[in-house]
Amino acid sequence: MSTNLENTQHHLKRPGSPLKKRKAAWQKMMQDLKTVKILRLSLGVTIAMSVAFAINWPLAMLTPVFTVIFLSLPMPRPSFQQGFKNMMETLLGLTIGVLFALLLLPYPFVYVLMIGLALFYT
């Protein structure tokens, strides 16, 4: 008597098995650049929205906008150094923004002027 595992292995060895057909169709689909871009965009927006709602972000409605802009640009994959540099620059900008908010928010006129200067400087 054969077990389920043996039946599955025998099923995979047949030339016209549905699993082999699905695998071949998936590989063929991944060769089409347009399909890859569509999958990348749809899965990227879905994952970003899921994370935004999971952490209960108050501005979650902006997530698809920024995600679509970021994923639709025709940019090459960044290297590790480029990604690290981008992360550090983002962290620096966040730190400067928090310092501005903590130090200058009690003085609204000065705060607006400094933020304006900082935005135009960068």
PDB file of N, CA and C in Angstrom:
ATOM      1  N   MET A   1       0.822  -1.172   0.000  1.00  0.00           N
ATOM      2  CA  MET A   1       0.000   0.000   0.000  1.00  0.00           C
ATOM      3  C   MET A   1       0.874   1.246   0.000  1.00  0.00           C
ATOM      4  N   SER A   2       0.505   2.233  -0.773  1.00  0.00           N
ATOM      5  CA  SER A   2       1.314   3.453  -0.841  1.00  0.00           C
ATOM      6  C   SER A   2       0.738   4.509   0.093  1.00  0.00           C
ATOM      7  N   THR A   3       1.615   5.337   0.563  1.00  0.00           N
ATOM      8  CA  THR A   3       1.193   6.411   1.456  1.00  0.00           C
ATOM      9  C   THR A   3       0.866   7.663   0.658  1.00  0.00           C
ATOM     10  N   ASN A   4       0.347   8.661   1.356  1.00  0.00           N
ATOM     11  CA  ASN A   4       0.016   9.923   0.689  1.00  0.00           C
ATOM     12  C   ASN A   4       1.262  10.603   0.130  1.00  0.00           C
ATOM     13  N   LEU A   5       2.371  10.483   0.852  1.00  0.00           N
ATOM     14  CA  LEU A   5       3.613  11.091   0.390  1.00  0.00           C
ATOM     15  C   LEU A   5       4.074  10.461  -0.919  1.00  0.00           C
ATOM     16  N   GLU A   6       3.984   9.149  -0.991  1.00  0.00           N
ATOM     17  CA  GLU A   6       4.377   8.472  -2.229  1.00  0.00           C
ATOM     18  C   GLU A   6       3.452   8.864  -3.373  1.00  0.00           C
ATOM     19  N   ASN A   7       2.162   9.001  -3.087  1.00  0.00           N
ATOM     20  CA  ASN A   7       1.217   9.427  -4.124  1.00  0.00           C
ATOM     21  C   ASN A   7       1.546  10.825  -4.620  1.00  0.00           C
ATOM     22  N   THR A   8       1.905  11.714  -3.696  1.00  0.00           N
ATOM     23  CA  THR A   8       2.250  13.077  -4.081  1.00  0.00           C
ATOM     24  C   THR A   8       3.527  13.105  -4.905  1.00  0.00           C
ATOM     25  N   GLN A   9       4.528  12.338  -4.499  1.00  0.00           N
ATOM     26  CA  GLN A   9       5.774  12.293  -5.255  1.00  0.00           C
ATOM     27  C   GLN A   9       5.544  11.696  -6.631  1.00  0.00           C
ATOM     28  N   HIS A  10       4.720  10.663  -6.702  1.00  0.00           N
ATOM     29  CA  HIS A  10       4.403  10.057  -7.998  1.00  0.00           C
ATOM     30  C   HIS A  10       3.652  11.070  -8.857  1.00  0.00           C
ATOM     31  N   HIS A  11       2.766  11.835  -8.232  1.00  0.00           N
ATOM     32  CA  HIS A  11       1.985  12.831  -8.942  1.00  0.00           C
ATOM     33  C   HIS A  11       2.888  13.929  -9.514  1.00  0.00           C
ATOM     34  N   LEU A  12       3.929  14.293  -8.777  1.00  0.00           N
ATOM     35  CA  LEU A  12       4.847  15.326  -9.250  1.00  0.00           C
ATOM     36  C   LEU A  12       5.732  14.844 -10.389  1.00  0.00           C
ATOM     37  N   LYS A  13       5.986  13.536 -10.457  1.00  0.00           N
ATOM     38  CA  LYS A  13       6.875  13.000 -11.483  1.00  0.00           C
ATOM     39  C   LYS A  13       6.185  12.878 -12.838  1.00  0.00           C
ATOM     40  N   ARG A  14       4.865  12.895 -12.839  1.00  0.00           N
ATOM     41  CA  ARG A  14       4.164  12.785 -14.121  1.00  0.00           C
ATOM     42  C   ARG A  14       4.406  14.043 -14.949  1.00  0.00           C
ATOM     43  N   PRO A  15       4.560  13.898 -16.251  1.00  0.00           N
ATOM     44  CA  PRO A  15       4.887  15.051 -17.086  1.00  0.00           C
ATOM     45  C   PRO A  15       3.794  16.122 -17.116  1.00  0.00           C
ATOM     46  N   GLY A  16       2.543  15.770 -17.030  1.00  0.00           N
ATOM     47  CA  GLY A  16       1.469  16.753 -17.147  1.00  0.00           C
ATOM     48  C   GLY A  16       0.834  17.087 -15.816  1.00  0.00           C
ATOM     49  N   SER A  17       1.567  17.001 -14.733  1.00  0.00           N
ATOM     50  CA  SER A  17       0.971  17.234 -13.424  1.00  0.00           C
ATOM     51  C   SER A  17       0.582  18.706 -13.273  1.00  0.00           C
ATOM     52  N   PRO A  18      -0.497  18.986 -12.553  1.00  0.00           N
ATOM     53  CA  PRO A  18      -0.947  20.369 -12.382  1.00  0.00           C
ATOM     54  C   PRO A  18       0.086  21.249 -11.664  1.00  0.00           C
ATOM     55  N   LEU A  19       0.851  20.667 -10.745  1.00  0.00           N
ATOM     56  CA  LEU A  19       1.852  21.463 -10.045  1.00  0.00           C
ATOM     57  C   LEU A  19       2.969  21.905 -10.975  1.00  0.00           C
ATOM     58  N   LYS A  20       3.381  21.018 -11.874  1.00  0.00           N
ATOM     59  CA  LYS A  20       4.412  21.398 -12.844  1.00  0.00           C
ATOM     60  C   LYS A  20       3.889  22.453 -13.811  1.00  0.00           C
ATOM     61  N   LYS A  21       2.612  22.331 -14.175  1.00  0.00           N
ATOM     62  CA  LYS A  21       2.028  23.327 -15.067  1.00  0.00           C
ATOM     63  C   LYS A  21       1.952  24.693 -14.391  1.00  0.00           C
ATOM     64  N   ARG A  22       1.571  24.702 -13.115  1.00  0.00           N
ATOM     65  CA  ARG A  22       1.513  25.958 -12.376  1.00  0.00           C
ATOM     66  C   ARG A  22       2.897  26.574 -12.231  1.00  0.00           C
ATOM     67  N   LYS A  23       3.886  25.752 -11.934  1.00  0.00           N
ATOM     68  CA  LYS A  23       5.244  26.250 -11.782  1.00  0.00           C
ATOM     69  C   LYS A  23       5.746  26.835 -13.097  1.00  0.00           C
ATOM     70  N   ALA A  24       5.458  26.161 -14.198  1.00  0.00           N
ATOM     71  CA  ALA A  24       5.875  26.658 -15.504  1.00  0.00           C
ATOM     72  C   ALA A  24       5.158  27.964 -15.841  1.00  0.00           C
ATOM     73  N   ALA A  25       3.866  28.047 -15.510  1.00  0.00           N
ATOM     74  CA  ALA A  25       3.119  29.272 -15.778  1.00  0.00           C
ATOM     75  C   ALA A  25       3.658  30.427 -14.932  1.00  0.00           C
ATOM     76  N   TRP A  26       4.003  30.150 -13.678  1.00  0.00           N
ATOM     77  CA  TRP A  26       4.562  31.182 -12.786  1.00  0.00           C
ATOM     78  C   TRP A  26       5.901  31.664 -13.326  1.00  0.00           C
ATOM     79  N   GLN A  27       6.763  30.745 -13.764  1.00  0.00           N
ATOM     80  CA  GLN A  27       8.059  31.135 -14.295  1.00  0.00           C
ATOM     81  C   GLN A  27       7.906  31.951 -15.570  1.00  0.00           C
ATOM     82  N   LYS A  28       6.949  31.583 -16.403  1.00  0.00           N
ATOM     83  CA  LYS A  28       6.701  32.332 -17.628  1.00  0.00           C
ATOM     84  C   LYS A  28       6.196  33.742 -17.308  1.00  0.00           C
ATOM     85  N   MET A  29       5.321  33.824 -16.304  1.00  0.00           N
ATOM     86  CA  MET A  29       4.771  35.111 -15.908  1.00  0.00           C
ATOM     87  C   MET A  29       5.861  36.021 -15.337  1.00  0.00           C
ATOM     88  N   MET A  30       6.816  35.471 -14.625  1.00  0.00           N
ATOM     89  CA  MET A  30       7.886  36.265 -14.020  1.00  0.00           C
ATOM     90  C   MET A  30       8.892  36.755 -15.060  1.00  0.00           C
ATOM     91  N   GLN A  31       8.826  36.239 -16.265  1.00  0.00           N
ATOM     92  CA  GLN A  31       9.696  36.717 -17.332  1.00  0.00           C
ATOM     93  C   GLN A  31       9.152  37.989 -17.969  1.00  0.00           C
ATOM     94  N   ASP A  32       7.858  38.259 -17.792  1.00  0.00           N
ATOM     95  CA  ASP A  32       7.226  39.436 -18.369  1.00  0.00           C
ATOM     96  C   ASP A  32       7.449  40.627 -17.438  1.00  0.00           C
ATOM     97  N   LEU A  33       8.142  41.650 -17.903  1.00  0.00           N
ATOM     98  CA  LEU A  33       8.504  42.805 -17.079  1.00  0.00           C
ATOM     99  C   LEU A  33       7.281  43.566 -16.596  1.00  0.00           C
ATOM    100  N   LYS A  34       6.269  43.683 -17.428  1.00  0.00           N
ATOM    101  CA  LYS A  34       5.060  44.402 -17.048  1.00  0.00           C
ATOM    102  C   LYS A  34       4.354  43.705 -15.890  1.00  0.00           C
ATOM    103  N   THR A  35       4.295  42.397 -15.936  1.00  0.00           N
ATOM    104  CA  THR A  35       3.661  41.632 -14.865  1.00  0.00           C
ATOM    105  C   THR A  35       4.433  41.782 -13.556  1.00  0.00           C
ATOM    106  N   VAL A  36       5.740  41.762 -13.629  1.00  0.00           N
ATOM    107  CA  VAL A  36       6.565  41.911 -12.436  1.00  0.00           C
ATOM    108  C   VAL A  36       6.336  43.283 -11.809  1.00  0.00           C
ATOM    109  N   LYS A  37       6.254  44.327 -12.628  1.00  0.00           N
ATOM    110  CA  LYS A  37       6.011  45.670 -12.103  1.00  0.00           C
ATOM    111  C   LYS A  37       4.635  45.773 -11.448  1.00  0.00           C
ATOM    112  N   ILE A  38       3.635  45.160 -12.067  1.00  0.00           N
ATOM    113  CA  ILE A  38       2.286  45.177 -11.495  1.00  0.00           C
ATOM    114  C   ILE A  38       2.265  44.456 -10.158  1.00  0.00           C
ATOM    115  N   LEU A  39       2.887  43.294 -10.086  1.00  0.00           N
ATOM    116  CA  LEU A  39       2.929  42.549  -8.823  1.00  0.00           C
ATOM    117  C   LEU A  39       3.701  43.319  -7.756  1.00  0.00           C
ATOM    118  N   ARG A  40       4.807  43.916  -8.144  1.00  0.00           N
ATOM    119  CA  ARG A  40       5.623  44.680  -7.192  1.00  0.00           C
ATOM    120  C   ARG A  40       4.821  45.843  -6.613  1.00  0.00           C
ATOM    121  N   LEU A  41       4.119  46.567  -7.467  1.00  0.00           N
ATOM    122  CA  LEU A  41       3.351  47.716  -7.020  1.00  0.00           C
ATOM    123  C   LEU A  41       2.172  47.293  -6.143  1.00  0.00           C
ATOM    124  N   SER A  42       1.426  46.283  -6.576  1.00  0.00           N
ATOM    125  CA  SER A  42       0.248  45.873  -5.810  1.00  0.00           C
ATOM    126  C   SER A  42       0.633  45.253  -4.472  1.00  0.00           C
ATOM    127  N   LEU A  43       1.632  44.394  -4.455  1.00  0.00           N
ATOM    128  CA  LEU A  43       2.054  43.792  -3.192  1.00  0.00           C
ATOM    129  C   LEU A  43       2.709  44.825  -2.273  1.00  0.00           C
ATOM    130  N   GLY A  44       3.476  45.745  -2.825  1.00  0.00           N
ATOM    131  CA  GLY A  44       4.119  46.774  -2.022  1.00  0.00           C
ATOM    132  C   GLY A  44       3.117  47.683  -1.333  1.00  0.00           C
ATOM    133  N   VAL A  45       2.086  48.120  -2.063  1.00  0.00           N
ATOM    134  CA  VAL A  45       1.059  48.975  -1.473  1.00  0.00           C
ATOM    135  C   VAL A  45       0.260  48.204  -0.429  1.00  0.00           C
ATOM    136  N   THR A  46      -0.043  46.942  -0.718  1.00  0.00           N
ATOM    137  CA  THR A  46      -0.796  46.126   0.237  1.00  0.00           C
ATOM    138  C   THR A  46      -0.024  45.936   1.537  1.00  0.00           C
ATOM    139  N   ILE A  47       1.247  45.633   1.442  1.00  0.00           N
ATOM    140  CA  ILE A  47       2.057  45.434   2.644  1.00  0.00           C
ATOM    141  C   ILE A  47       2.215  46.747   3.411  1.00  0.00           C
ATOM    142  N   ALA A  48       2.446  47.855   2.692  1.00  0.00           N
ATOM    143  CA  ALA A  48       2.589  49.148   3.365  1.00  0.00           C
ATOM    144  C   ALA A  48       1.311  49.547   4.094  1.00  0.00           C
ATOM    145  N   MET A  49       0.166  49.337   3.459  1.00  0.00           N
ATOM    146  CA  MET A  49      -1.108  49.664   4.114  1.00  0.00           C
ATOM    147  C   MET A  49      -1.356  48.765   5.314  1.00  0.00           C
ATOM    148  N   SER A  50      -0.998  47.495   5.193  1.00  0.00           N
ATOM    149  CA  SER A  50      -1.175  46.569   6.314  1.00  0.00           C
ATOM    150  C   SER A  50      -0.348  47.007   7.521  1.00  0.00           C
ATOM    151  N   VAL A  51       0.889  47.402   7.270  1.00  0.00           N
ATOM    152  CA  VAL A  51       1.749  47.863   8.366  1.00  0.00           C
ATOM    153  C   VAL A  51       1.200  49.163   8.959  1.00  0.00           C
ATOM    154  N   ALA A  52       0.747  50.092   8.112  1.00  0.00           N
ATOM    155  CA  ALA A  52       0.218  51.366   8.603  1.00  0.00           C
ATOM    156  C   ALA A  52      -1.009  51.150   9.484  1.00  0.00           C
ATOM    157  N   PHE A  53      -1.898  50.246   9.078  1.00  0.00           N
ATOM    158  CA  PHE A  53      -3.076  49.977   9.894  1.00  0.00           C
ATOM    159  C   PHE A  53      -2.732  49.155  11.131  1.00  0.00           C
ATOM    160  N   ALA A  54      -1.732  48.298  11.036  1.00  0.00           N
ATOM    161  CA  ALA A  54      -1.354  47.466  12.184  1.00  0.00           C
ATOM    162  C   ALA A  54      -0.782  48.311  13.313  1.00  0.00           C
ATOM    163  N   ILE A  55      -0.031  49.357  12.972  1.00  0.00           N
ATOM    164  CA  ILE A  55       0.533  50.211  14.026  1.00  0.00           C
ATOM    165  C   ILE A  55      -0.382  51.385  14.341  1.00  0.00           C
ATOM    166  N   ASN A  56      -1.567  51.409  13.696  1.00  0.00           N
ATOM    167  CA  ASN A  56      -2.578  52.439  13.956  1.00  0.00           C
ATOM    168  C   ASN A  56      -2.019  53.837  13.700  1.00  0.00           C
ATOM    169  N   TRP A  57      -1.390  54.011  12.543  1.00  0.00           N
ATOM    170  CA  TRP A  57      -0.810  55.292  12.173  1.00  0.00           C
ATOM    171  C   TRP A  57      -1.932  56.272  11.827  1.00  0.00           C
ATOM    172  N   PRO A  58      -1.956  57.454  12.425  1.00  0.00           N
ATOM    173  CA  PRO A  58      -3.040  58.401  12.157  1.00  0.00           C
ATOM    174  C   PRO A  58      -3.080  58.890  10.703  1.00  0.00           C
ATOM    175  N   LEU A  59      -1.954  58.897  10.016  1.00  0.00           N
ATOM    176  CA  LEU A  59      -1.915  59.362   8.627  1.00  0.00           C
ATOM    177  C   LEU A  59      -1.803  58.203   7.639  1.00  0.00           C
ATOM    178  N   ALA A  60      -2.495  57.120   7.940  1.00  0.00           N
ATOM    179  CA  ALA A  60      -2.402  55.928   7.094  1.00  0.00           C
ATOM    180  C   ALA A  60      -2.917  56.179   5.680  1.00  0.00           C
ATOM    181  N   MET A  61      -3.764  57.196   5.486  1.00  0.00           N
ATOM    182  CA  MET A  61      -4.284  57.471   4.145  1.00  0.00           C
ATOM    183  C   MET A  61      -3.197  57.995   3.206  1.00  0.00           C
ATOM    184  N   LEU A  62      -2.065  58.454   3.756  1.00  0.00           N
ATOM    185  CA  LEU A  62      -0.958  58.912   2.918  1.00  0.00           C
ATOM    186  C   LEU A  62      -0.050  57.763   2.472  1.00  0.00           C
ATOM    187  N   THR A  63      -0.160  56.642   3.126  1.00  0.00           N
ATOM    188  CA  THR A  63       0.712  55.507   2.827  1.00  0.00           C
ATOM    189  C   THR A  63       0.643  55.066   1.366  1.00  0.00           C
ATOM    190  N   PRO A  64      -0.551  54.857   0.772  1.00  0.00           N
ATOM    191  CA  PRO A  64      -0.549  54.410  -0.632  1.00  0.00           C
ATOM    192  C   PRO A  64       0.046  55.443  -1.581  1.00  0.00           C
ATOM    193  N   VAL A  65      -0.136  56.711  -1.268  1.00  0.00           N
ATOM    194  CA  VAL A  65       0.405  57.758  -2.144  1.00  0.00           C
ATOM    195  C   VAL A  65       1.928  57.690  -2.176  1.00  0.00           C
ATOM    196  N   PHE A  66       2.539  57.684  -0.990  1.00  0.00           N
ATOM    197  CA  PHE A  66       4.005  57.642  -0.931  1.00  0.00           C
ATOM    198  C   PHE A  66       4.553  56.315  -1.454  1.00  0.00           C
ATOM    199  N   THR A  67       3.865  55.234  -1.177  1.00  0.00           N
ATOM    200  CA  THR A  67       4.324  53.923  -1.634  1.00  0.00           C
ATOM    201  C   THR A  67       4.282  53.828  -3.152  1.00  0.00           C
ATOM    202  N   VAL A  68       3.208  54.305  -3.756  1.00  0.00           N
ATOM    203  CA  VAL A  68       3.100  54.267  -5.221  1.00  0.00           C
ATOM    204  C   VAL A  68       4.170  55.145  -5.856  1.00  0.00           C
ATOM    205  N   ILE A  69       4.396  56.324  -5.287  1.00  0.00           N
ATOM    206  CA  ILE A  69       5.437  57.203  -5.836  1.00  0.00           C
ATOM    207  C   ILE A  69       6.802  56.533  -5.741  1.00  0.00           C
ATOM    208  N   PHE A  70       7.090  55.947  -4.587  1.00  0.00           N
ATOM    209  CA  PHE A  70       8.393  55.326  -4.373  1.00  0.00           C
ATOM    210  C   PHE A  70       8.588  54.087  -5.250  1.00  0.00           C
ATOM    211  N   LEU A  71       7.567  53.250  -5.371  1.00  0.00           N
ATOM    212  CA  LEU A  71       7.713  52.004  -6.120  1.00  0.00           C
ATOM    213  C   LEU A  71       7.572  52.174  -7.625  1.00  0.00           C
ATOM    214  N   SER A  72       6.963  53.248  -8.079  1.00  0.00           N
ATOM    215  CA  SER A  72       6.762  53.399  -9.521  1.00  0.00           C
ATOM    216  C   SER A  72       7.930  54.087 -10.213  1.00  0.00           C
ATOM    217  N   LEU A  73       8.838  54.681  -9.448  1.00  0.00           N
ATOM    218  CA  LEU A  73       9.982  55.329 -10.066  1.00  0.00           C
ATOM    219  C   LEU A  73      10.924  54.281 -10.662  1.00  0.00           C
ATOM    220  N   PRO A  74      11.420  54.527 -11.856  1.00  0.00           N
ATOM    221  CA  PRO A  74      12.332  53.550 -12.476  1.00  0.00           C
ATOM    222  C   PRO A  74      13.757  53.698 -11.951  1.00  0.00           C
ATOM    223  N   MET A  75      13.975  53.274 -10.726  1.00  0.00           N
ATOM    224  CA  MET A  75      15.300  53.380 -10.127  1.00  0.00           C
ATOM    225  C   MET A  75      15.919  51.997  -9.998  1.00  0.00           C
ATOM    226  N   PRO A  76      17.240  51.916 -10.122  1.00  0.00           N
ATOM    227  CA  PRO A  76      17.889  50.623  -9.897  1.00  0.00           C
ATOM    228  C   PRO A  76      17.878  50.277  -8.417  1.00  0.00           C
ATOM    229  N   ARG A  77      18.088  49.023  -8.127  1.00  0.00           N
ATOM    230  CA  ARG A  77      18.122  48.576  -6.740  1.00  0.00           C
ATOM    231  C   ARG A  77      19.336  49.214  -6.050  1.00  0.00           C
ATOM    232  N   PRO A  78      19.122  49.859  -4.889  1.00  0.00           N
ATOM    233  CA  PRO A  78      20.255  50.510  -4.228  1.00  0.00           C
ATOM    234  C   PRO A  78      21.208  49.490  -3.620  1.00  0.00           C
ATOM    235  N   SER A  79      22.460  49.851  -3.583  1.00  0.00           N
ATOM    236  CA  SER A  79      23.441  48.995  -2.929  1.00  0.00           C
ATOM    237  C   SER A  79      23.281  49.137  -1.415  1.00  0.00           C
ATOM    238  N   PHE A  80      23.985  48.310  -0.669  1.00  0.00           N
ATOM    239  CA  PHE A  80      23.904  48.384   0.787  1.00  0.00           C
ATOM    240  C   PHE A  80      24.368  49.747   1.281  1.00  0.00           C
ATOM    241  N   GLN A  81      25.446  50.256   0.702  1.00  0.00           N
ATOM    242  CA  GLN A  81      25.978  51.559   1.121  1.00  0.00           C
ATOM    243  C   GLN A  81      24.995  52.677   0.813  1.00  0.00           C
ATOM    244  N   GLN A  82      24.366  52.636  -0.356  1.00  0.00           N
ATOM    245  CA  GLN A  82      23.391  53.665  -0.702  1.00  0.00           C
ATOM    246  C   GLN A  82      22.180  53.605   0.220  1.00  0.00           C
ATOM    247  N   GLY A  83      21.709  52.409   0.517  1.00  0.00           N
ATOM    248  CA  GLY A  83      20.581  52.250   1.423  1.00  0.00           C
ATOM    249  C   GLY A  83      20.904  52.734   2.824  1.00  0.00           C
ATOM    250  N   PHE A  84      22.101  52.412   3.299  1.00  0.00           N
ATOM    251  CA  PHE A  84      22.527  52.859   4.623  1.00  0.00           C
ATOM    252  C   PHE A  84      22.656  54.385   4.677  1.00  0.00           C
ATOM    253  N   LYS A  85      23.217  54.969   3.604  1.00  0.00           N
ATOM    254  CA  LYS A  85      23.354  56.426   3.540  1.00  0.00           C
ATOM    255  C   LYS A  85      21.977  57.088   3.540  1.00  0.00           C
ATOM    256  N   ASN A  86      21.044  56.537   2.788  1.00  0.00           N
ATOM    257  CA  ASN A  86      19.690  57.074   2.746  1.00  0.00           C
ATOM    258  C   ASN A  86      19.030  56.995   4.123  1.00  0.00           C
ATOM    259  N   MET A  87      19.225  55.880   4.818  1.00  0.00           N
ATOM    260  CA  MET A  87      18.652  55.712   6.144  1.00  0.00           C
ATOM    261  C   MET A  87      19.253  56.718   7.127  1.00  0.00           C
ATOM    262  N   MET A  88      20.549  56.945   7.068  1.00  0.00           N
ATOM    263  CA  MET A  88      21.196  57.890   7.966  1.00  0.00           C
ATOM    264  C   MET A  88      20.745  59.325   7.687  1.00  0.00           C
ATOM    265  N   GLU A  89      20.593  59.675   6.408  1.00  0.00           N
ATOM    266  CA  GLU A  89      20.126  61.020   6.066  1.00  0.00           C
ATOM    267  C   GLU A  89      18.689  61.232   6.533  1.00  0.00           C
ATOM    268  N   THR A  90      17.869  60.215   6.418  1.00  0.00           N
ATOM    269  CA  THR A  90      16.497  60.309   6.917  1.00  0.00           C
ATOM    270  C   THR A  90      16.486  60.473   8.428  1.00  0.00           C
ATOM    271  N   LEU A  91      17.320  59.721   9.118  1.00  0.00           N
ATOM    272  CA  LEU A  91      17.413  59.828  10.570  1.00  0.00           C
ATOM    273  C   LEU A  91      17.913  61.214  10.989  1.00  0.00           C
ATOM    274  N   LEU A  92      18.865  61.771  10.253  1.00  0.00           N
ATOM    275  CA  LEU A  92      19.367  63.114  10.542  1.00  0.00           C
ATOM    276  C   LEU A  92      18.258  64.153  10.367  1.00  0.00           C
ATOM    277  N   GLY A  93      17.498  64.042   9.284  1.00  0.00           N
ATOM    278  CA  GLY A  93      16.387  64.971   9.062  1.00  0.00           C
ATOM    279  C   GLY A  93      15.327  64.867  10.147  1.00  0.00           C
ATOM    280  N   LEU A  94      15.027  63.650  10.569  1.00  0.00           N
ATOM    281  CA  LEU A  94      14.069  63.455  11.648  1.00  0.00           C
ATOM    282  C   LEU A  94      14.571  64.066  12.948  1.00  0.00           C
ATOM    283  N   THR A  95      15.844  63.879  13.241  1.00  0.00           N
ATOM    284  CA  THR A  95      16.429  64.434  14.469  1.00  0.00           C
ATOM    285  C   THR A  95      16.395  65.963  14.459  1.00  0.00           C
ATOM    286  N   ILE A  96      16.741  66.547  13.331  1.00  0.00           N
ATOM    287  CA  ILE A  96      16.707  68.013  13.226  1.00  0.00           C
ATOM    288  C   ILE A  96      15.275  68.520  13.382  1.00  0.00           C
ATOM    289  N   GLY A  97      14.321  67.845  12.781  1.00  0.00           N
ATOM    290  CA  GLY A  97      12.919  68.243  12.916  1.00  0.00           C
ATOM    291  C   GLY A  97      12.428  68.162  14.350  1.00  0.00           C
ATOM    292  N   VAL A  98      12.806  67.099  15.048  1.00  0.00           N
ATOM    293  CA  VAL A  98      12.404  66.961  16.447  1.00  0.00           C
ATOM    294  C   VAL A  98      13.062  68.047  17.304  1.00  0.00           C
ATOM    295  N   LEU A  99      14.327  68.338  17.056  1.00  0.00           N
ATOM    296  CA  LEU A  99      15.006  69.402  17.809  1.00  0.00           C
ATOM    297  C   LEU A  99      14.356  70.759  17.556  1.00  0.00           C
ATOM    298  N   PHE A 100      14.015  71.043  16.296  1.00  0.00           N
ATOM    299  CA  PHE A 100      13.310  72.289  15.991  1.00  0.00           C
ATOM    300  C   PHE A 100      12.005  72.355  16.759  1.00  0.00           C
ATOM    301  N   ALA A 101      11.265  71.254  16.754  1.00  0.00           N
ATOM    302  CA  ALA A 101       9.966  71.234  17.431  1.00  0.00           C
ATOM    303  C   ALA A 101      10.133  71.424  18.939  1.00  0.00           C
ATOM    304  N   LEU A 102      11.108  70.765  19.525  1.00  0.00           N
ATOM    305  CA  LEU A 102      11.278  70.864  20.975  1.00  0.00           C
ATOM    306  C   LEU A 102      11.780  72.238  21.412  1.00  0.00           C
ATOM    307  N   LEU A 103      12.717  72.794  20.660  1.00  0.00           N
ATOM    308  CA  LEU A 103      13.340  74.046  21.076  1.00  0.00           C
ATOM    309  C   LEU A 103      12.585  75.293  20.626  1.00  0.00           C
ATOM    310  N   LEU A 104      11.988  75.237  19.435  1.00  0.00           N
ATOM    311  CA  LEU A 104      11.431  76.463  18.873  1.00  0.00           C
ATOM    312  C   LEU A 104       9.911  76.517  18.835  1.00  0.00           C
ATOM    313  N   LEU A 105       9.231  75.443  19.147  1.00  0.00           N
ATOM    314  CA  LEU A 105       7.772  75.452  19.094  1.00  0.00           C
ATOM    315  C   LEU A 105       7.138  76.447  20.063  1.00  0.00           C
ATOM    316  N   PRO A 106       7.730  76.713  21.230  1.00  0.00           N
ATOM    317  CA  PRO A 106       7.149  77.751  22.103  1.00  0.00           C
ATOM    318  C   PRO A 106       7.193  79.147  21.487  1.00  0.00           C
ATOM    319  N   TYR A 107       8.004  79.352  20.471  1.00  0.00           N
ATOM    320  CA  TYR A 107       8.129  80.640  19.793  1.00  0.00           C
ATOM    321  C   TYR A 107       7.672  80.469  18.346  1.00  0.00           C
ATOM    322  N   PRO A 108       6.355  80.588  18.087  1.00  0.00           N
ATOM    323  CA  PRO A 108       5.808  80.251  16.760  1.00  0.00           C
ATOM    324  C   PRO A 108       6.421  81.038  15.604  1.00  0.00           C
ATOM    325  N   PHE A 109       6.651  82.325  15.785  1.00  0.00           N
ATOM    326  CA  PHE A 109       7.203  83.126  14.695  1.00  0.00           C
ATOM    327  C   PHE A 109       8.609  82.656  14.328  1.00  0.00           C
ATOM    328  N   VAL A 110       9.443  82.461  15.329  1.00  0.00           N
ATOM    329  CA  VAL A 110      10.810  81.986  15.101  1.00  0.00           C
ATOM    330  C   VAL A 110      10.788  80.579  14.510  1.00  0.00           C
ATOM    331  N   TYR A 111       9.861  79.737  14.995  1.00  0.00           N
ATOM    332  CA  TYR A 111       9.737  78.357  14.500  1.00  0.00           C
ATOM    333  C   TYR A 111       9.435  78.344  13.003  1.00  0.00           C
ATOM    334  N   VAL A 112       8.447  79.155  12.597  1.00  0.00           N
ATOM    335  CA  VAL A 112       8.072  79.197  11.179  1.00  0.00           C
ATOM    336  C   VAL A 112       9.233  79.706  10.335  1.00  0.00           C
ATOM    337  N   LEU A 113       9.929  80.749  10.811  1.00  0.00           N
ATOM    338  CA  LEU A 113      11.074  81.269  10.061  1.00  0.00           C
ATOM    339  C   LEU A 113      12.186  80.229   9.926  1.00  0.00           C
ATOM    340  N   MET A 114      12.499  79.543  11.013  1.00  0.00           N
ATOM    341  CA  MET A 114      13.585  78.557  10.981  1.00  0.00           C
ATOM    342  C   MET A 114      13.224  77.345  10.103  1.00  0.00           C
ATOM    343  N   ILE A 115      11.985  76.887  10.203  1.00  0.00           N
ATOM    344  CA  ILE A 115      11.559  75.786   9.342  1.00  0.00           C
ATOM    345  C   ILE A 115      11.621  76.197   7.878  1.00  0.00           C
ATOM    346  N   GLY A 116      11.162  77.419   7.596  1.00  0.00           N
ATOM    347  CA  GLY A 116      11.242  77.927   6.218  1.00  0.00           C
ATOM    348  C   GLY A 116      12.669  77.986   5.710  1.00  0.00           C
ATOM    349  N   LEU A 117      13.577  78.499   6.532  1.00  0.00           N
ATOM    350  CA  LEU A 117      14.980  78.551   6.147  1.00  0.00           C
ATOM    351  C   LEU A 117      15.573  77.156   5.962  1.00  0.00           C
ATOM    352  N   ALA A 118      15.230  76.257   6.852  1.00  0.00           N
ATOM    353  CA  ALA A 118      15.746  74.894   6.751  1.00  0.00           C
ATOM    354  C   ALA A 118      15.234  74.207   5.478  1.00  0.00           C
ATOM    355  N   LEU A 119      13.979  74.419   5.128  1.00  0.00           N
ATOM    356  CA  LEU A 119      13.435  73.794   3.918  1.00  0.00           C
ATOM    357  C   LEU A 119      14.062  74.387   2.663  1.00  0.00           C
ATOM    358  N   PHE A 120      14.283  75.684   2.645  1.00  0.00           N
ATOM    359  CA  PHE A 120      14.892  76.291   1.475  1.00  0.00           C
ATOM    360  C   PHE A 120      16.385  76.007   1.383  1.00  0.00           C
ATOM    361  N   TYR A 121      17.023  75.805   2.511  1.00  0.00           N
ATOM    362  CA  TYR A 121      18.455  75.494   2.523  1.00  0.00           C
ATOM    363  C   TYR A 121      18.713  74.112   1.943  1.00  0.00           C
ATOM    364  N   THR A 122      17.847  73.182   2.271  1.00  0.00           N
ATOM    365  CA  THR A 122      18.037  71.812   1.781  1.00  0.00           C
ATOM    366  C   THR A 122      17.449  71.722   0.423  1.00  0.00           C
TER     367      THR A 122
END
